[in-house]
Amino acid sequence: MSSAELNSINKRRICLGVISGAHGIGGQVRIRPYTDQPQDMVSYGPLTNKDGTFSIEIESFKVVKNTLVATISGIDTRAAAAALHGTELFVDRDVMPETDDDEWYYSDLIGLRVDDPEGRAIGAVSSILNYGAGDLIEVDPKVGGDTVLVPFTAKFVPEVDIAGGRLTIDLPEGWIENSNGEPLRKKQKEGESQDA
């Protein structure tokens, strides 16, 4: 399968959680869910791995401190459960509920063009991250160089236009630099036009 085909498949799928390790000796696994309620991830139907090459059927589960401890069909030893460590669990985008106006699935945001408030292209969204203090948009600058993390708040991301394939970020001066080390967004002096 080509990377373009895989990207197309992944845009149509939502990651609901990840297997974080084995639990006990009977083949159970611990699953870190990404849903609001841990048990919700089981209600969306069959789960698959990232590229959809195998299906994962949860036969039973219990919630322990915001983690699912689950029995998976065909997994009955600790070694088999441990081999699934790090496996992300996906469902088709079509089975997920529609979002509110100010909510988005991560997969809908990845790949969007990133513009500044004046409509100039800055780059593209390469991923959405969360280390516990809120969502961060990872921007791959069109001028090259390292990716930039932007807090996903109304202050820094005032507009998200899924249908238009873009979002707007409003960053302080110098947050993203061009290949010459100059900030793409400079403070504008009165009577002066701003170029990027």
C-alpha atoms as a PDB file:
ATOM      1  CA  MET A   1       0.000   0.000   0.000  1.00  0.00           C
ATOM      2  CA  SER A   2       1.428   3.396  -0.987  1.00  0.00           C
ATOM      3  CA  SER A   3       1.844   6.242   1.517  1.00  0.00           C
ATOM      4  CA  ALA A   4      -0.770   8.284  -0.417  1.00  0.00           C
ATOM      5  CA  GLU A   5      -3.280   5.434  -0.076  1.00  0.00           C
ATOM      6  CA  LEU A   6      -2.457   5.076   3.629  1.00  0.00           C
ATOM      7  CA  ASN A   7      -2.891   8.842   4.199  1.00  0.00           C
ATOM      8  CA  SER A   8      -6.253   8.715   2.434  1.00  0.00           C
ATOM      9  CA  ILE A   9      -7.377   5.829   4.646  1.00  0.00           C
ATOM     10  CA  ASN A  10      -6.154   7.549   7.814  1.00  0.00           C
ATOM     11  CA  LYS A  11      -8.088  10.744   6.971  1.00  0.00           C
ATOM     12  CA  ARG A  12     -11.264   8.620   7.035  1.00  0.00           C
ATOM     13  CA  ARG A  13     -10.469   7.049  10.411  1.00  0.00           C
ATOM     14  CA  ILE A  14     -10.420   8.233  14.026  1.00  0.00           C
ATOM     15  CA  CYS A  15      -8.009   6.983  16.695  1.00  0.00           C
ATOM     16  CA  LEU A  16     -10.011   6.176  19.849  1.00  0.00           C
ATOM     17  CA  GLY A  17      -7.207   4.908  22.047  1.00  0.00           C
ATOM     18  CA  VAL A  18      -3.979   2.981  22.357  1.00  0.00           C
ATOM     19  CA  ILE A  19      -3.060  -0.327  23.997  1.00  0.00           C
ATOM     20  CA  SER A  20      -0.671   0.665  26.763  1.00  0.00           C
ATOM     21  CA  GLY A  21       0.407  -2.799  27.886  1.00  0.00           C
ATOM     22  CA  ALA A  22      -0.500  -6.207  29.223  1.00  0.00           C
ATOM     23  CA  HIS A  23      -2.573  -6.653  32.390  1.00  0.00           C
ATOM     24  CA  GLY A  24      -2.155  -9.782  34.458  1.00  0.00           C
ATOM     25  CA  ILE A  25      -1.227 -13.192  33.088  1.00  0.00           C
ATOM     26  CA  GLY A  26      -4.411 -14.147  31.237  1.00  0.00           C
ATOM     27  CA  GLY A  27      -3.982 -12.037  28.119  1.00  0.00           C
ATOM     28  CA  GLN A  28      -5.856  -8.903  29.144  1.00  0.00           C
ATOM     29  CA  VAL A  29      -4.624  -5.501  27.961  1.00  0.00           C
ATOM     30  CA  ARG A  30      -4.713  -1.972  29.323  1.00  0.00           C
ATOM     31  CA  ILE A  31      -6.151   0.565  26.883  1.00  0.00           C
ATOM     32  CA  ARG A  32      -5.718   4.324  27.256  1.00  0.00           C
ATOM     33  CA  PRO A  33      -8.895   5.738  25.667  1.00  0.00           C
ATOM     34  CA  TYR A  34      -9.087   9.128  23.940  1.00  0.00           C
ATOM     35  CA  THR A  35     -12.877   9.348  24.324  1.00  0.00           C
ATOM     36  CA  ASP A  36     -14.617  11.559  26.907  1.00  0.00           C
ATOM     37  CA  GLN A  37     -15.775   8.496  28.819  1.00  0.00           C
ATOM     38  CA  PRO A  38     -13.429   5.471  28.709  1.00  0.00           C
ATOM     39  CA  GLN A  39     -16.202   2.982  27.912  1.00  0.00           C
ATOM     40  CA  ASP A  40     -17.411   5.038  24.917  1.00  0.00           C
ATOM     41  CA  MET A  41     -14.650   3.717  22.671  1.00  0.00           C
ATOM     42  CA  VAL A  42     -16.188   0.232  22.761  1.00  0.00           C
ATOM     43  CA  SER A  43     -19.588   1.479  21.543  1.00  0.00           C
ATOM     44  CA  TYR A  44     -18.460   2.585  18.056  1.00  0.00           C
ATOM     45  CA  GLY A  45     -18.100  -0.891  16.608  1.00  0.00           C
ATOM     46  CA  PRO A  46     -15.116  -2.873  15.358  1.00  0.00           C
ATOM     47  CA  LEU A  47     -11.676  -1.434  16.084  1.00  0.00           C
ATOM     48  CA  THR A  48      -8.675  -1.878  13.824  1.00  0.00           C
ATOM     49  CA  ASN A  49      -4.992  -1.071  13.889  1.00  0.00           C
ATOM     50  CA  LYS A  50      -3.681   2.050  12.111  1.00  0.00           C
ATOM     51  CA  ASP A  51      -3.457   0.644   8.601  1.00  0.00           C
ATOM     52  CA  GLY A  52      -6.604  -1.470   8.968  1.00  0.00           C
ATOM     53  CA  THR A  53      -4.795  -4.777   8.426  1.00  0.00           C
ATOM     54  CA  PHE A  54      -6.333  -6.474  11.448  1.00  0.00           C
ATOM     55  CA  SER A  55      -9.474  -6.112  13.519  1.00  0.00           C
ATOM     56  CA  ILE A  56      -9.585  -6.033  17.304  1.00  0.00           C
ATOM     57  CA  GLU A  57     -12.728  -7.300  19.038  1.00  0.00           C
ATOM     58  CA  ILE A  58     -13.115  -6.383  22.699  1.00  0.00           C
ATOM     59  CA  GLU A  59     -15.018  -9.240  24.361  1.00  0.00           C
ATOM     60  CA  SER A  60     -15.250  -7.687  27.826  1.00  0.00           C
ATOM     61  CA  PHE A  61     -13.803  -4.772  29.763  1.00  0.00           C
ATOM     62  CA  LYS A  62     -13.841  -2.854  33.006  1.00  0.00           C
ATOM     63  CA  VAL A  63     -12.869   0.747  33.695  1.00  0.00           C
ATOM     64  CA  VAL A  64     -10.024   1.200  36.187  1.00  0.00           C
ATOM     65  CA  LYS A  65      -8.915   4.804  36.815  1.00  0.00           C
ATOM     66  CA  ASN A  66      -9.818   6.120  33.316  1.00  0.00           C
ATOM     67  CA  THR A  67      -8.197   3.078  31.681  1.00  0.00           C
ATOM     68  CA  LEU A  68      -9.918   0.103  30.117  1.00  0.00           C
ATOM     69  CA  VAL A  69      -8.780  -3.337  31.201  1.00  0.00           C
ATOM     70  CA  ALA A  70     -10.016  -5.461  28.316  1.00  0.00           C
ATOM     71  CA  THR A  71     -10.166  -8.995  27.033  1.00  0.00           C
ATOM     72  CA  ILE A  72      -9.532  -9.134  23.278  1.00  0.00           C
ATOM     73  CA  SER A  73     -10.744 -12.012  21.138  1.00  0.00           C
ATOM     74  CA  GLY A  74      -7.887 -14.403  20.302  1.00  0.00           C
ATOM     75  CA  ILE A  75      -5.474 -12.937  22.893  1.00  0.00           C
ATOM     76  CA  ASP A  76      -5.115 -15.331  25.832  1.00  0.00           C
ATOM     77  CA  THR A  77      -1.514 -15.059  27.050  1.00  0.00           C
ATOM     78  CA  ARG A  78       0.489 -12.274  28.619  1.00  0.00           C
ATOM     79  CA  ALA A  79       3.051 -12.503  25.777  1.00  0.00           C
ATOM     80  CA  ALA A  80       0.345 -12.021  23.134  1.00  0.00           C
ATOM     81  CA  ALA A  81      -1.087  -9.074  25.081  1.00  0.00           C
ATOM     82  CA  ALA A  82       2.363  -7.522  25.520  1.00  0.00           C
ATOM     83  CA  ALA A  83       2.981  -7.798  21.755  1.00  0.00           C
ATOM     84  CA  LEU A  84       0.068  -5.382  21.203  1.00  0.00           C
ATOM     85  CA  HIS A  85       1.699  -2.641  23.301  1.00  0.00           C
ATOM     86  CA  GLY A  86       1.520   0.688  21.439  1.00  0.00           C
ATOM     87  CA  THR A  87      -1.177  -0.464  18.987  1.00  0.00           C
ATOM     88  CA  GLU A  88      -3.473   2.446  18.205  1.00  0.00           C
ATOM     89  CA  LEU A  89      -7.163   1.582  17.887  1.00  0.00           C
ATOM     90  CA  PHE A  90      -9.188   3.144  15.059  1.00  0.00           C
ATOM     91  CA  VAL A  91     -12.775   3.295  13.786  1.00  0.00           C
ATOM     92  CA  ASP A  92     -14.173   4.632  10.530  1.00  0.00           C
ATOM     93  CA  ARG A  93     -14.888   8.370  10.611  1.00  0.00           C
ATOM     94  CA  ASP A  94     -18.431   7.689   9.321  1.00  0.00           C
ATOM     95  CA  VAL A  95     -19.554   5.960  12.551  1.00  0.00           C
ATOM     96  CA  MET A  96     -18.561   8.906  14.746  1.00  0.00           C
ATOM     97  CA  PRO A  97     -21.141  11.515  15.773  1.00  0.00           C
ATOM     98  CA  GLU A  98     -21.111  14.920  14.115  1.00  0.00           C
ATOM     99  CA  THR A  99     -19.191  17.587  16.008  1.00  0.00           C
ATOM    100  CA  ASP A 100     -20.444  20.920  17.335  1.00  0.00           C
ATOM    101  CA  ASP A 101     -19.388  24.157  15.631  1.00  0.00           C
ATOM    102  CA  ASP A 102     -16.358  24.595  17.907  1.00  0.00           C
ATOM    103  CA  GLU A 103     -15.276  20.927  17.963  1.00  0.00           C
ATOM    104  CA  TRP A 104     -13.148  18.972  15.507  1.00  0.00           C
ATOM    105  CA  TYR A 105     -11.683  15.527  15.203  1.00  0.00           C
ATOM    106  CA  TYR A 106      -7.883  15.584  15.050  1.00  0.00           C
ATOM    107  CA  SER A 107      -7.960  13.786  11.706  1.00  0.00           C
ATOM    108  CA  ASP A 108     -10.042  16.654  10.262  1.00  0.00           C
ATOM    109  CA  LEU A 109      -7.351  19.177  11.243  1.00  0.00           C
ATOM    110  CA  ILE A 110      -4.235  17.345  10.071  1.00  0.00           C
ATOM    111  CA  GLY A 111      -3.166  18.569   6.651  1.00  0.00           C
ATOM    112  CA  LEU A 112      -5.037  21.890   6.820  1.00  0.00           C
ATOM    113  CA  ARG A 113      -3.206  24.913   5.392  1.00  0.00           C
ATOM    114  CA  VAL A 114      -2.139  27.369   8.105  1.00  0.00           C
ATOM    115  CA  ASP A 115      -2.531  31.081   7.339  1.00  0.00           C
ATOM    116  CA  ASP A 116      -1.674  34.217   9.278  1.00  0.00           C
ATOM    117  CA  PRO A 117      -4.463  36.777  10.006  1.00  0.00           C
ATOM    118  CA  GLU A 118      -3.701  38.549   6.694  1.00  0.00           C
ATOM    119  CA  GLY A 119      -4.340  35.313   4.761  1.00  0.00           C
ATOM    120  CA  ARG A 120      -0.697  34.526   3.923  1.00  0.00           C
ATOM    121  CA  ALA A 121       0.193  30.829   3.980  1.00  0.00           C
ATOM    122  CA  ILE A 122       2.512  29.904   6.858  1.00  0.00           C
ATOM    123  CA  GLY A 123       2.526  26.128   6.531  1.00  0.00           C
ATOM    124  CA  ALA A 124       0.356  23.099   7.262  1.00  0.00           C
ATOM    125  CA  VAL A 125      -0.898  21.212  10.321  1.00  0.00           C
ATOM    126  CA  SER A 126       1.249  18.098  10.713  1.00  0.00           C
ATOM    127  CA  SER A 127      -0.268  16.760  13.965  1.00  0.00           C
ATOM    128  CA  ILE A 128      -2.215  17.573  17.104  1.00  0.00           C
ATOM    129  CA  LEU A 129      -0.484  16.872  20.416  1.00  0.00           C
ATOM    130  CA  ASN A 130      -1.554  16.979  24.045  1.00  0.00           C
ATOM    131  CA  TYR A 131       0.884  16.586  26.918  1.00  0.00           C
ATOM    132  CA  GLY A 132      -1.751  17.225  29.588  1.00  0.00           C
ATOM    133  CA  ALA A 133      -2.062  21.019  29.536  1.00  0.00           C
ATOM    134  CA  GLY A 134      -4.255  21.321  26.433  1.00  0.00           C
ATOM    135  CA  ASP A 135      -4.105  20.653  22.719  1.00  0.00           C
ATOM    136  CA  LEU A 136      -1.174  21.908  20.649  1.00  0.00           C
ATOM    137  CA  ILE A 137      -1.182  22.271  16.876  1.00  0.00           C
ATOM    138  CA  GLU A 138       2.090  21.209  15.278  1.00  0.00           C
ATOM    139  CA  VAL A 139       2.748  23.420  12.252  1.00  0.00           C
ATOM    140  CA  ASP A 140       5.170  22.433   9.505  1.00  0.00           C
ATOM    141  CA  PRO A 141       6.372  25.848   8.208  1.00  0.00           C
ATOM    142  CA  LYS A 142       6.381  26.254   4.439  1.00  0.00           C
ATOM    143  CA  VAL A 143       9.791  27.998   4.721  1.00  0.00           C
ATOM    144  CA  GLY A 144      11.291  24.790   6.098  1.00  0.00           C
ATOM    145  CA  GLY A 145      12.981  24.169   9.400  1.00  0.00           C
ATOM    146  CA  ASP A 146      11.644  22.716  12.611  1.00  0.00           C
ATOM    147  CA  THR A 147       7.946  22.333  13.264  1.00  0.00           C
ATOM    148  CA  VAL A 148       6.319  24.848  15.599  1.00  0.00           C
ATOM    149  CA  LEU A 149       3.848  24.106  18.401  1.00  0.00           C
ATOM    150  CA  VAL A 150       0.915  26.502  18.746  1.00  0.00           C
ATOM    151  CA  PRO A 151      -1.603  26.361  21.626  1.00  0.00           C
ATOM    152  CA  PHE A 152      -4.993  25.375  20.223  1.00  0.00           C
ATOM    153  CA  THR A 153      -6.921  28.209  21.845  1.00  0.00           C
ATOM    154  CA  ALA A 154      -9.183  30.922  20.408  1.00  0.00           C
ATOM    155  CA  LYS A 155      -6.435  33.487  21.079  1.00  0.00           C
ATOM    156  CA  PHE A 156      -3.842  31.733  18.897  1.00  0.00           C
ATOM    157  CA  VAL A 157      -6.229  29.960  16.490  1.00  0.00           C
ATOM    158  CA  PRO A 158      -9.105  32.380  15.871  1.00  0.00           C
ATOM    159  CA  GLU A 159     -10.501  30.569  12.811  1.00  0.00           C
ATOM    160  CA  VAL A 160     -10.854  26.955  11.683  1.00  0.00           C
ATOM    161  CA  ASP A 161     -12.388  26.408   8.254  1.00  0.00           C
ATOM    162  CA  ILE A 162     -12.561  22.664   7.574  1.00  0.00           C
ATOM    163  CA  ALA A 163     -14.561  23.115   4.356  1.00  0.00           C
ATOM    164  CA  GLY A 164     -12.018  25.659   3.096  1.00  0.00           C
ATOM    165  CA  GLY A 165      -9.089  23.436   4.091  1.00  0.00           C
ATOM    166  CA  ARG A 166      -7.427  26.054   6.292  1.00  0.00           C
ATOM    167  CA  LEU A 167      -7.056  27.534   9.730  1.00  0.00           C
ATOM    168  CA  THR A 168      -5.719  30.872  10.902  1.00  0.00           C
ATOM    169  CA  ILE A 169      -3.081  31.313  13.583  1.00  0.00           C
ATOM    170  CA  ASP A 170      -2.258  34.627  15.223  1.00  0.00           C
ATOM    171  CA  LEU A 171       1.252  34.422  16.663  1.00  0.00           C
ATOM    172  CA  PRO A 172       3.507  36.900  18.433  1.00  0.00           C
ATOM    173  CA  GLU A 173       6.389  38.389  16.495  1.00  0.00           C
ATOM    174  CA  GLY A 174       9.192  35.955  15.705  1.00  0.00           C
ATOM    175  CA  TRP A 175       7.333  32.772  16.623  1.00  0.00           C
ATOM    176  CA  ILE A 176       8.034  31.341  13.156  1.00  0.00           C
ATOM    177  CA  GLU A 177      11.135  32.413  11.258  1.00  0.00           C
ATOM    178  CA  ASN A 178      11.984  32.175   7.587  1.00  0.00           C
ATOM    179  CA  SER A 179      15.070  30.369   6.290  1.00  0.00           C
ATOM    180  CA  ASN A 180      17.171  33.527   6.917  1.00  0.00           C
ATOM    181  CA  GLY A 181      16.235  33.532  10.610  1.00  0.00           C
ATOM    182  CA  GLU A 182      13.949  36.533  10.186  1.00  0.00           C
ATOM    183  CA  PRO A 183      10.496  36.450  11.789  1.00  0.00           C
ATOM    184  CA  LEU A 184       7.659  35.875   9.336  1.00  0.00           C
ATOM    185  CA  ARG A 185       5.479  38.140  11.422  1.00  0.00           C
ATOM    186  CA  LYS A 186       7.183  41.422  12.245  1.00  0.00           C
ATOM    187  CA  LYS A 187       5.726  44.249  14.273  1.00  0.00           C
ATOM    188  CA  GLN A 188       4.204  46.674  11.842  1.00  0.00           C
ATOM    189  CA  LYS A 189       5.219  50.307  12.170  1.00  0.00           C
ATOM    190  CA  GLU A 190       2.570  52.911  11.602  1.00  0.00           C
ATOM    191  CA  GLY A 191       2.087  53.627   7.873  1.00  0.00           C
ATOM    192  CA  GLU A 192       4.131  50.579   6.846  1.00  0.00           C
ATOM    193  CA  SER A 193       2.850  47.500   5.026  1.00  0.00           C
ATOM    194  CA  GLN A 194       3.722  44.093   6.439  1.00  0.00           C
ATOM    195  CA  ASP A 195       5.451  41.608   4.098  1.00  0.00           C
ATOM    196  CA  ALA A 196       6.186  37.957   4.770  1.00  0.00           C
END
